[in-house]
Protein backbone atom coordinates (compact mmCIF):
# COMPACT_ATOMS: atom_id res chain seq x y z
CA MET A 1 7.70 -13.83 -0.91
CA ILE A 2 6.48 -12.39 -4.26
CA THR A 3 6.74 -8.75 -5.34
CA LEU A 4 4.30 -7.53 -7.96
CA THR A 5 4.91 -4.06 -9.55
CA ASN A 6 3.33 -1.95 -12.21
CA GLU A 7 3.40 1.71 -13.10
CA PHE A 8 1.04 2.55 -10.25
CA THR A 9 2.12 0.54 -7.22
CA THR A 10 4.08 -2.28 -5.67
CA VAL A 11 2.71 -5.07 -3.44
CA ILE A 12 4.43 -7.85 -1.61
CA VAL A 13 2.60 -11.08 -1.08
CA GLU A 14 3.85 -13.77 1.28
CA LYS A 15 2.51 -16.80 3.23
CA VAL A 16 2.84 -16.28 7.00
CA GLN A 17 2.08 -18.55 9.98
CA THR A 18 -0.03 -17.00 12.68
CA GLY A 19 -1.52 -18.34 15.92
CA ASN A 20 -4.78 -18.99 13.95
CA GLY A 21 -3.09 -20.79 11.10
CA GLU A 22 -1.66 -19.87 7.63
CA ARG A 23 -2.52 -16.49 6.19
CA LEU A 24 -1.65 -14.70 2.97
CA ARG A 25 -0.13 -11.34 3.91
CA ILE A 26 -0.47 -8.57 1.31
CA ARG A 27 1.57 -5.41 1.90
CA SER A 28 1.83 -2.08 0.20
CA PRO A 29 5.19 -0.73 1.21
CA ARG A 30 4.71 2.66 -0.32
CA LEU A 31 1.44 3.26 1.65
CA GLY A 32 2.36 1.26 4.64
CA TYR A 33 -0.89 -0.80 4.57
CA SER A 34 -1.00 -4.50 5.20
CA ILE A 35 -3.61 -7.24 5.48
CA ASP A 36 -3.57 -10.92 6.46
CA LEU A 37 -6.26 -13.03 4.75
CA ASP A 38 -7.24 -16.49 5.75
CA PRO A 39 -8.30 -19.18 3.15
CA ILE A 40 -12.03 -18.44 3.37
CA GLU A 41 -11.41 -14.68 2.91
CA LEU A 42 -9.26 -15.45 -0.14
CA GLU A 43 -11.89 -17.74 -1.58
CA ALA A 44 -14.45 -14.93 -1.12
CA LEU A 45 -12.40 -12.79 -3.47
CA THR A 46 -12.99 -15.40 -6.19
CA TRP A 47 -16.76 -14.89 -5.88
CA GLN A 48 -16.49 -11.17 -6.85
CA THR A 49 -16.82 -9.69 -10.26
CA VAL A 50 -14.46 -7.25 -11.96
CA GLU A 51 -17.19 -4.57 -11.40
CA THR A 52 -16.91 -5.12 -7.63
CA PHE A 53 -13.24 -4.28 -7.67
CA SER A 54 -13.88 -1.33 -10.03
CA ARG A 55 -16.30 0.17 -7.48
CA LEU A 56 -13.79 -0.36 -4.73
CA LEU A 57 -11.20 1.49 -6.69
CA THR A 58 -13.46 4.50 -7.26
CA THR A 59 -12.64 5.67 -3.73
CA PRO A 60 -9.81 3.31 -2.72
CA PHE A 61 -9.20 4.89 0.74
CA GLY A 62 -12.83 4.86 1.75
CA PRO A 63 -15.98 6.77 0.95
CA ASP A 64 -15.82 10.55 0.34
CA ASP A 65 -17.00 12.61 3.29
CA GLY A 66 -20.38 13.27 1.55
CA GLU A 67 -21.06 9.60 1.08
CA VAL A 68 -21.05 8.69 4.77
CA GLU A 69 -24.36 8.59 6.65
CA VAL A 70 -23.78 9.55 10.28
CA ARG A 71 -26.26 7.99 12.68
CA PRO A 72 -26.46 8.11 16.46
CA LEU A 73 -25.19 5.19 18.37
CA SER A 74 -28.67 4.55 19.80
CA ASP A 75 -29.75 3.68 16.20
CA LEU A 76 -27.48 0.66 16.05
CA LEU A 77 -28.87 -2.76 16.73
CA ILE A 78 -26.71 -4.73 19.15
CA PHE A 79 -27.40 -8.47 19.13
CA ALA A 80 -26.55 -10.65 22.03
CA ASN A 81 -27.37 -14.40 22.03
CA GLY A 82 -29.41 -13.99 18.86
CA CYS A 83 -31.69 -11.35 20.46
CA GLU A 84 -31.80 -7.60 19.92
CA TYR A 85 -30.14 -6.08 23.03
CA GLY A 86 -32.72 -4.83 25.45
CA ASN A 87 -35.59 -6.85 23.73
CA GLU A 88 -34.78 -10.33 24.94
């Protein structure tokens, strides 16, 4: 287990074994958030730019209410077996 701390936050990082293999667990004890990432998810982080993370930190707990587009459920495309549901 590794604990990383700065003037803003503390995170705890540890390798855990799950039923689906090894994961890296990242926890924020102050906020009570946690995520388990598999190797491909971790690799995907390396594909990102600094700007990507900067945009994520603009609204770190999700988009502001004004930024969310609300659409009716009927507008969603549901795919089953590679076909749009209802148009097989």
